[in-house]
C-alpha atoms as a PDB file:
ATOM      1  CA  MET A   1      -2.938  25.024   5.001  1.00  0.00           C
ATOM      2  CA  PRO A   2      -1.403  28.286   4.099  1.00  0.00           C
ATOM      3  CA  GLU A   3       2.261  30.130   3.811  1.00  0.00           C
ATOM      4  CA  ALA A   4       2.325  32.467   6.090  1.00  0.00           C
ATOM      5  CA  ALA A   5       1.790  29.810   8.545  1.00  0.00           C
ATOM      6  CA  SER A   6       4.848  28.719  10.632  1.00  0.00           C
ATOM      7  CA  SER A   7       5.163  25.473  11.013  1.00  0.00           C
ATOM      8  CA  GLY A   8       3.910  25.207  15.010  1.00  0.00           C
ATOM      9  CA  THR A   9       0.577  26.710  13.619  1.00  0.00           C
ATOM     10  CA  ALA A  10       0.155  24.423  11.028  1.00  0.00           C
ATOM     11  CA  SER A  11       0.732  21.590  13.897  1.00  0.00           C
ATOM     12  CA  GLU A  12      -1.361  22.775  16.132  1.00  0.00           C
ATOM     13  CA  VAL A  13      -4.435  23.516  13.434  1.00  0.00           C
ATOM     14  CA  ALA A  14      -3.872  19.882  12.454  1.00  0.00           C
ATOM     15  CA  ARG A  15      -4.290  18.939  16.114  1.00  0.00           C
ATOM     16  CA  LEU A  16      -7.588  21.453  16.320  1.00  0.00           C
ATOM     17  CA  GLN A  17      -8.878  19.391  13.377  1.00  0.00           C
ATOM     18  CA  ALA A  18      -8.007  15.972  14.222  1.00  0.00           C
ATOM     19  CA  ALA A  19      -9.640  16.454  17.698  1.00  0.00           C
ATOM     20  CA  LEU A  20     -12.789  18.739  15.734  1.00  0.00           C
ATOM     21  CA  THR A  21     -13.266  15.292  13.702  1.00  0.00           C
ATOM     22  CA  ARG A  22     -13.199  12.942  16.661  1.00  0.00           C
ATOM     23  CA  ASP A  23     -14.788  14.888  19.801  1.00  0.00           C
ATOM     24  CA  VAL A  24     -18.018  16.417  17.828  1.00  0.00           C
ATOM     25  CA  PRO A  25     -20.522  14.189  15.360  1.00  0.00           C
ATOM     26  CA  GLY A  26     -21.741  15.572  12.530  1.00  0.00           C
ATOM     27  CA  ARG A  27     -18.296  18.302  12.034  1.00  0.00           C
ATOM     28  CA  ILE A  28     -18.706  20.004   8.898  1.00  0.00           C
ATOM     29  CA  MET A  29     -15.013  20.658   7.010  1.00  0.00           C
ATOM     30  CA  ASP A  30     -14.919  23.149   3.979  1.00  0.00           C
ATOM     31  CA  THR A  31     -13.580  22.804   0.540  1.00  0.00           C
ATOM     32  CA  PRO A  32     -11.184  24.943  -0.326  1.00  0.00           C
ATOM     33  CA  GLU A  33     -14.297  26.906  -1.683  1.00  0.00           C
ATOM     34  CA  ASP A  34     -16.198  26.981   0.972  1.00  0.00           C
ATOM     35  CA  GLU A  35     -13.345  27.745   3.196  1.00  0.00           C
ATOM     36  CA  ARG A  36     -12.772  30.926   0.871  1.00  0.00           C
ATOM     37  CA  ARG A  37     -16.211  31.667   1.146  1.00  0.00           C
ATOM     38  CA  TRP A  38     -16.169  31.717   4.787  1.00  0.00           C
ATOM     39  CA  ALA A  39     -13.091  33.831   5.463  1.00  0.00           C
ATOM     40  CA  ALA A  40     -14.108  36.452   3.502  1.00  0.00           C
ATOM     41  CA  LEU A  41     -17.249  36.602   4.956  1.00  0.00           C
ATOM     42  CA  ALA A  42     -15.517  37.265   8.355  1.00  0.00           C
ATOM     43  CA  GLN A  43     -13.106  39.449   6.993  1.00  0.00           C
ATOM     44  CA  ALA A  44     -15.193  41.753   5.859  1.00  0.00           C
ATOM     45  CA  GLU A  45     -16.655  41.672   8.396  1.00  0.00           C
ATOM     46  CA  ILE A  46     -14.061  42.465  10.711  1.00  0.00           C
ATOM     47  CA  LYS A  47     -12.837  44.884   9.139  1.00  0.00           C
ATOM     48  CA  ALA A  48     -16.167  46.949   8.649  1.00  0.00           C
ATOM     49  CA  ARG A  49     -16.263  46.985  12.864  1.00  0.00           C
ATOM     50  CA  GLY A  50     -13.385  47.857  12.659  1.00  0.00           C
ATOM     51  CA  HIS A  51     -11.573  45.476  14.417  1.00  0.00           C
ATOM     52  CA  ALA A  52      -7.763  43.831  12.697  1.00  0.00           C
ATOM     53  CA  ILE A  53      -5.850  40.390  12.805  1.00  0.00           C
ATOM     54  CA  ARG A  54      -2.386  41.384  14.327  1.00  0.00           C
ATOM     55  CA  ARG A  55      -1.255  37.489  15.256  1.00  0.00           C
ATOM     56  CA  PRO A  56      -2.705  33.767  13.992  1.00  0.00           C
ATOM     57  CA  GLN A  57      -5.736  33.627  16.515  1.00  0.00           C
ATOM     58  CA  LEU A  58      -8.315  31.383  16.267  1.00  0.00           C
ATOM     59  CA  VAL A  59     -11.753  33.125  15.733  1.00  0.00           C
ATOM     60  CA  VAL A  60     -15.869  32.030  15.707  1.00  0.00           C
ATOM     61  CA  VAL A  61     -18.012  32.194  13.296  1.00  0.00           C
ATOM     62  CA  VAL A  62     -21.505  32.536  13.512  1.00  0.00           C
ATOM     63  CA  ASP A  63     -23.758  33.748   9.816  1.00  0.00           C
ATOM     64  CA  ARG A  64     -27.104  34.242  11.172  1.00  0.00           C
ATOM     65  CA  ASN A  65     -28.638  33.115   7.175  1.00  0.00           C
ATOM     66  CA  PRO A  66     -31.326  31.331   8.677  1.00  0.00           C
ATOM     67  CA  ALA A  67     -30.529  29.799   4.879  1.00  0.00           C
ATOM     68  CA  VAL A  68     -27.246  28.241   6.768  1.00  0.00           C
ATOM     69  CA  GLN A  69     -27.757  28.542  10.934  1.00  0.00           C
ATOM     70  CA  GLN A  70     -23.719  27.695  10.917  1.00  0.00           C
ATOM     71  CA  MET A  71     -21.076  28.467  13.028  1.00  0.00           C
ATOM     72  CA  ARG A  72     -17.104  27.741  11.997  1.00  0.00           C
ATOM     73  CA  ILE A  73     -14.211  28.096  13.286  1.00  0.00           C
ATOM     74  CA  LEU A  74     -11.492  30.063  11.833  1.00  0.00           C
ATOM     75  CA  LEU A  75      -7.631  29.839  11.516  1.00  0.00           C
ATOM     76  CA  ALA A  76      -6.937  33.944  11.452  1.00  0.00           C
ATOM     77  CA  GLN A  77      -3.904  35.398  10.052  1.00  0.00           C
ATOM     78  CA  PRO A  78      -2.189  38.914   9.781  1.00  0.00           C
ATOM     79  CA  SER A  79      -1.033  38.061   5.697  1.00  0.00           C
ATOM     80  CA  GLY A  80      -1.809  34.840   4.181  1.00  0.00           C
ATOM     81  CA  GLY A  81      -5.122  32.850   3.246  1.00  0.00           C
ATOM     82  CA  TRP A  82      -7.465  31.957   6.588  1.00  0.00           C
ATOM     83  CA  GLN A  83      -7.877  28.349   7.492  1.00  0.00           C
ATOM     84  CA  SER A  84     -10.740  26.726   9.180  1.00  0.00           C
ATOM     85  CA  ILE A  85     -10.388  23.996  11.601  1.00  0.00           C
ATOM     86  CA  GLY A  86     -14.475  22.976  10.628  1.00  0.00           C
ATOM     87  CA  GLY A  87     -17.947  23.787  11.962  1.00  0.00           C
ATOM     88  CA  VAL A  88     -21.451  22.885  13.318  1.00  0.00           C
ATOM     89  CA  LYS A  89     -25.027  23.559  12.901  1.00  0.00           C
ATOM     90  CA  VAL A  90     -26.366  26.100  14.996  1.00  0.00           C
ATOM     91  CA  SER A  91     -29.558  28.862  15.754  1.00  0.00           C
ATOM     92  CA  THR A  92     -29.973  32.262  16.153  1.00  0.00           C
ATOM     93  CA  GLY A  93     -32.348  34.238  17.024  1.00  0.00           C
ATOM     94  CA  GLN A  94     -35.624  33.207  15.539  1.00  0.00           C
ATOM     95  CA  GLU A  95     -38.647  35.911  13.453  1.00  0.00           C
ATOM     96  CA  GLY A  96     -42.696  36.310  14.689  1.00  0.00           C
ATOM     97  CA  ARG A  97     -42.502  35.510  17.714  1.00  0.00           C
ATOM     98  CA  ASN A  98     -43.092  37.941  20.476  1.00  0.00           C
ATOM     99  CA  GLY A  99     -39.967  37.743  22.574  1.00  0.00           C
ATOM    100  CA  TYR A 100     -37.425  36.030  20.588  1.00  0.00           C
ATOM    101  CA  PHE A 101     -34.881  38.605  19.275  1.00  0.00           C
ATOM    102  CA  ILE A 102     -32.823  38.909  16.170  1.00  0.00           C
ATOM    103  CA  THR A 103     -29.399  37.000  16.659  1.00  0.00           C
ATOM    104  CA  PRO A 104     -27.025  40.647  16.221  1.00  0.00           C
ATOM    105  CA  THR A 105     -23.928  41.098  13.858  1.00  0.00           C
ATOM    106  CA  GLY A 106     -20.787  42.043  14.598  1.00  0.00           C
ATOM    107  CA  VAL A 107     -17.082  41.603  16.053  1.00  0.00           C
ATOM    108  CA  PHE A 108     -18.410  40.134  19.547  1.00  0.00           C
ATOM    109  CA  LEU A 109     -15.092  39.873  21.796  1.00  0.00           C
ATOM    110  CA  HIS A 110     -15.180  37.746  24.756  1.00  0.00           C
ATOM    111  CA  THR A 111     -13.310  39.043  27.518  1.00  0.00           C
ATOM    112  CA  ASP A 112     -11.953  39.129  31.514  1.00  0.00           C
ATOM    113  CA  GLU A 113     -14.493  41.980  32.232  1.00  0.00           C
ATOM    114  CA  ILE A 114     -17.568  39.114  32.548  1.00  0.00           C
ATOM    115  CA  LEU A 115     -17.352  36.026  33.905  1.00  0.00           C
ATOM    116  CA  ASP A 116     -19.069  32.914  32.430  1.00  0.00           C
ATOM    117  CA  TRP A 117     -20.818  30.019  34.490  1.00  0.00           C
ATOM    118  CA  ARG A 118     -21.789  27.431  33.336  1.00  0.00           C
ATOM    119  CA  ALA A 119     -25.646  24.990  33.084  1.00  0.00           C
ATOM    120  CA  GLU A 120     -27.329  23.356  35.994  1.00  0.00           C
ATOM    121  CA  GLY A 121     -28.765  21.881  33.967  1.00  0.00           C
ATOM    122  CA  THR A 122     -32.224  21.936  35.322  1.00  0.00           C
ATOM    123  CA  PHE A 123     -35.497  21.986  33.287  1.00  0.00           C
ATOM    124  CA  ASN A 124     -37.477  25.044  33.085  1.00  0.00           C
ATOM    125  CA  ALA A 125     -41.681  24.360  32.701  1.00  0.00           C
ATOM    126  CA  ASN A 126     -41.485  22.865  29.746  1.00  0.00           C
ATOM    127  CA  GLY A 127     -38.613  20.086  30.278  1.00  0.00           C
ATOM    128  CA  ILE A 128     -36.654  21.652  28.824  1.00  0.00           C
ATOM    129  CA  ARG A 129     -32.813  22.295  29.528  1.00  0.00           C
ATOM    130  CA  GLY A 130     -32.228  25.417  27.773  1.00  0.00           C
ATOM    131  CA  LEU A 131     -28.377  25.484  28.346  1.00  0.00           C
ATOM    132  CA  GLY A 132     -28.465  21.873  28.593  1.00  0.00           C
ATOM    133  CA  VAL A 133     -26.866  19.721  30.935  1.00  0.00           C
ATOM    134  CA  GLN A 134     -25.275  20.716  33.670  1.00  0.00           C
ATOM    135  CA  GLY A 135     -21.710  22.349  33.822  1.00  0.00           C
ATOM    136  CA  MET A 136     -22.116  23.341  29.888  1.00  0.00           C
ATOM    137  CA  ARG A 137     -20.121  26.164  29.234  1.00  0.00           C
ATOM    138  CA  VAL A 138     -21.875  29.108  28.927  1.00  0.00           C
ATOM    139  CA  TRP A 139     -20.087  32.136  27.420  1.00  0.00           C
ATOM    140  CA  ASP A 140     -20.913  35.333  28.199  1.00  0.00           C
ATOM    141  CA  PHE A 141     -20.578  38.622  25.627  1.00  0.00           C
ATOM    142  CA  GLY A 142     -22.996  41.080  27.910  1.00  0.00           C
ATOM    143  CA  TRP A 143     -25.754  43.626  26.754  1.00  0.00           C
ATOM    144  CA  GLN A 144     -26.101  44.001  23.573  1.00  0.00           C
ATOM    145  CA  THR A 145     -28.149  45.700  21.104  1.00  0.00           C
ATOM    146  CA  ALA A 146     -30.833  43.629  18.689  1.00  0.00           C
ATOM    147  CA  GLU A 147     -34.213  43.993  16.702  1.00  0.00           C
ATOM    148  CA  ARG A 148     -37.136  42.512  17.975  1.00  0.00           C
ATOM    149  CA  GLY A 149     -38.222  39.252  15.897  1.00  0.00           C
ATOM    150  CA  TRP A 150     -41.933  39.577  16.631  1.00  0.00           C
ATOM    151  CA  GLU A 151     -42.483  43.327  15.336  1.00  0.00           C
ATOM    152  CA  ALA A 152     -42.873  44.862  11.783  1.00  0.00           C
ATOM    153  CA  GLU A 153     -41.099  47.748  12.846  1.00  0.00           C
ATOM    154  CA  GLY A 154     -37.417  46.828  13.097  1.00  0.00           C
ATOM    155  CA  ARG A 155     -37.509  48.021  17.414  1.00  0.00           C
ATOM    156  CA  GLU A 156     -34.986  47.291  19.459  1.00  0.00           C
ATOM    157  CA  SER A 157     -33.926  46.882  22.719  1.00  0.00           C
ATOM    158  CA  THR A 158     -31.802  44.668  24.801  1.00  0.00           C
ATOM    159  CA  ILE A 159     -30.205  41.624  25.248  1.00  0.00           C
ATOM    160  CA  ARG A 160     -27.760  39.154  26.847  1.00  0.00           C
ATOM    161  CA  LEU A 161     -26.098  37.586  23.955  1.00  0.00           C
ATOM    162  CA  LEU A 162     -24.482  34.609  24.808  1.00  0.00           C
ATOM    163  CA  VAL A 163     -23.184  30.477  23.407  1.00  0.00           C
ATOM    164  CA  HIS A 164     -24.260  28.046  24.729  1.00  0.00           C
ATOM    165  CA  ALA A 165     -25.921  24.207  24.330  1.00  0.00           C
ATOM    166  CA  THR A 166     -29.396  23.333  23.962  1.00  0.00           C
ATOM    167  CA  ASP A 167     -31.207  20.226  25.274  1.00  0.00           C
ATOM    168  CA  PRO A 168     -29.359  17.018  24.097  1.00  0.00           C
ATOM    169  CA  ASP A 169     -32.961  14.784  24.124  1.00  0.00           C
ATOM    170  CA  VAL A 170     -35.295  18.167  22.897  1.00  0.00           C
ATOM    171  CA  LEU A 171     -33.422  20.703  21.087  1.00  0.00           C
ATOM    172  CA  GLU A 172     -30.237  19.908  19.666  1.00  0.00           C
ATOM    173  CA  GLN A 173     -31.627  17.619  16.222  1.00  0.00           C
ATOM    174  CA  ARG A 174     -33.339  20.873  16.219  1.00  0.00           C
ATOM    175  CA  LEU A 175     -30.018  22.750  15.234  1.00  0.00           C
ATOM    176  CA  GLY A 176     -29.656  24.458  11.841  1.00  0.00           C
ATOM    177  CA  ARG A 177     -32.410  26.592  11.644  1.00  0.00           C
ATOM    178  CA  PRO A 178     -32.862  29.737  13.751  1.00  0.00           C
ATOM    179  CA  ALA A 179     -34.391  29.108  16.977  1.00  0.00           C
ATOM    180  CA  SER A 180     -33.744  31.074  19.729  1.00  0.00           C
ATOM    181  CA  LYS A 181     -34.450  33.744  22.087  1.00  0.00           C
ATOM    182  CA  GLY A 182     -31.751  35.862  20.287  1.00  0.00           C
ATOM    183  CA  CYS A 183     -28.626  33.268  21.869  1.00  0.00           C
ATOM    184  CA  ILE A 184     -26.181  30.859  19.664  1.00  0.00           C
ATOM    185  CA  ARG A 185     -26.927  27.460  20.607  1.00  0.00           C
ATOM    186  CA  VAL A 186     -24.506  25.129  19.682  1.00  0.00           C
ATOM    187  CA  PRO A 187     -24.560  21.293  20.158  1.00  0.00           C
ATOM    188  CA  GLY A 188     -23.303  19.972  23.256  1.00  0.00           C
ATOM    189  CA  PRO A 189     -20.192  18.419  22.179  1.00  0.00           C
ATOM    190  CA  MET A 190     -18.278  21.802  20.035  1.00  0.00           C
ATOM    191  CA  ASN A 191     -19.559  23.658  23.308  1.00  0.00           C
ATOM    192  CA  VAL A 192     -17.297  20.423  25.291  1.00  0.00           C
ATOM    193  CA  PHE A 193     -14.388  21.945  22.509  1.00  0.00           C
ATOM    194  CA  LEU A 194     -14.746  25.495  22.303  1.00  0.00           C
ATOM    195  CA  ASP A 195     -14.762  25.225  26.289  1.00  0.00           C
ATOM    196  CA  ARG A 196     -11.329  22.324  26.716  1.00  0.00           C
ATOM    197  CA  ASN A 197      -9.433  23.687  23.632  1.00  0.00           C
ATOM    198  CA  GLY A 198     -10.415  27.319  25.051  1.00  0.00           C
ATOM    199  CA  ILE A 199     -10.565  28.112  21.923  1.00  0.00           C
ATOM    200  CA  LEU A 200     -12.241  31.935  23.080  1.00  0.00           C
ATOM    201  CA  ASP A 201     -10.241  32.156  26.613  1.00  0.00           C
ATOM    202  CA  VAL A 202      -6.895  34.047  25.766  1.00  0.00           C
ATOM    203  CA  ASP A 203      -7.792  36.479  27.763  1.00  0.00           C
ATOM    204  CA  TYR A 204      -9.286  34.210  30.610  1.00  0.00           C
ATOM    205  CA  GLU A 205      -5.846  32.366  30.851  1.00  0.00           C
ATOM    206  CA  ALA A 206      -3.819  35.148  31.258  1.00  0.00           C
ATOM    207  CA  ALA A 207      -6.740  35.937  33.815  1.00  0.00           C
ATOM    208  CA  ALA A 208      -6.858  32.985  36.007  1.00  0.00           C
ATOM    209  CA  LYS A 209      -3.257  32.869  36.965  1.00  0.00           C
ATOM    210  CA  SER A 210      -4.184  35.827  39.288  1.00  0.00           C
ATOM    211  CA  ASP A 211      -7.987  35.805  39.763  1.00  0.00           C
ATOM    212  CA  PRO A 212      -9.613  32.477  40.989  1.00  0.00           C
ATOM    213  CA  ARG A 213     -12.771  33.309  39.708  1.00  0.00           C
ATOM    214  CA  TYR A 214     -11.232  32.609  36.562  1.00  0.00           C
ATOM    215  CA  ASP A 215      -9.549  29.384  37.245  1.00  0.00           C
ATOM    216  CA  ALA A 216     -13.092  28.990  39.128  1.00  0.00           C
ATOM    217  CA  VAL A 217     -14.799  28.747  35.455  1.00  0.00           C
ATOM    218  CA  LEU A 218     -12.253  27.016  33.034  1.00  0.00           C
ATOM    219  CA  ARG A 219     -11.536  23.311  33.128  1.00  0.00           C
ATOM    220  CA  THR A 220      -9.230  20.845  34.865  1.00  0.00           C
ATOM    221  CA  ASP A 221      -8.832  18.912  31.431  1.00  0.00           C
ATOM    222  CA  ARG A 222      -8.405  22.008  28.930  1.00  0.00           C
ATOM    223  CA  THR A 223      -5.493  21.826  26.550  1.00  0.00           C
ATOM    224  CA  PRO A 224      -5.138  25.377  25.373  1.00  0.00           C
ATOM    225  CA  THR A 225      -4.704  26.065  21.807  1.00  0.00           C
ATOM    226  CA  PRO A 226      -1.508  28.601  22.007  1.00  0.00           C
ATOM    227  CA  LEU A 227      -3.972  29.892  18.828  1.00  0.00           C
ATOM    228  CA  ALA A 228      -7.087  31.611  21.132  1.00  0.00           C
ATOM    229  CA  GLY A 229      -8.336  34.340  20.983  1.00  0.00           C
ATOM    230  CA  ASN A 230     -11.478  36.304  21.380  1.00  0.00           C
ATOM    231  CA  MET A 231     -13.637  37.159  18.997  1.00  0.00           C
ATOM    232  CA  LEU A 232     -17.067  36.123  17.904  1.00  0.00           C
ATOM    233  CA  VAL A 233     -17.833  37.465  14.525  1.00  0.00           C
ATOM    234  CA  ILE A 234     -21.543  36.970  13.458  1.00  0.00           C
ATOM    235  CA  LEU A 235     -22.729  37.924  10.387  1.00  0.00           C
ATOM    236  CA  ASP A 236     -25.283  37.362   7.688  1.00  0.00           C
ATOM    237  CA  SER A 237     -24.352  36.121   4.603  1.00  0.00           C
ATOM    238  CA  ALA A 238     -27.939  37.028   2.891  1.00  0.00           C
ATOM    239  CA  THR A 239     -27.610  40.562   3.519  1.00  0.00           C
ATOM    240  CA  GLY A 240     -23.862  41.402   1.541  1.00  0.00           C
ATOM    241  CA  SER A 241     -21.888  39.865  -1.349  1.00  0.00           C
ATOM    242  CA  GLY A 242     -21.092  37.019  -2.112  1.00  0.00           C
ATOM    243  CA  ALA A 243     -24.163  35.513  -0.276  1.00  0.00           C
ATOM    244  CA  MET A 244     -23.922  31.401   0.734  1.00  0.00           C
ATOM    245  CA  THR A 245     -26.266  28.868   1.189  1.00  0.00           C
ATOM    246  CA  GLN A 246     -25.677  25.522   2.169  1.00  0.00           C
ATOM    247  CA  ALA A 247     -27.376  21.843   2.402  1.00  0.00           C
ATOM    248  CA  ARG A 248     -28.173  21.599   6.274  1.00  0.00           C
END
């Protein structure tokens, strides 16, 4: 634990790490070297996009590099070292398929300007539950500009950037490679972990105190972390310094 972290922060990080180990099969825990690499990449992206960390908070970081396709939850601090809570394999946008976009990079804020929703668990024409089983949370980051992955010219259009689960029987085992239409697919257990602990819900918890619409979105069995944040960082380690390749 970084020296700058308070005892309360340290105990909360330990609680979250234990919960992640218990509740998320296949979770990834970093070596000190990998932890520093993820932190450096996230810090560079946050700074480049004009954002700052002003209090200890959790940041969700996704590396869209096709050779990585992973997510981390990082404890970000205004000063001192950052720490990895852990992570999982994900899938981001797939290149070369008509209608599939390249997931955009940047810093995207999860605020109460947009109301999230939950999956209905219905099957599409191909027998796939695109957002996972009924009740899975869908985090909505609004309309974002993304590259058309099926066009060599690199033209762009807008997509609705979401973080969501996927079909546990058909698609979840394929996480770790580009496969989505531009959104970020996460395993069902990680979806529940983010949801139950309110990792991205600092603004939602505040809004829920006065607006029943937001309270209705949040889980009744949640244990909101005091380290909750609202920042989703999407980066591509293949195009920057310190490129990261990890076993998938």
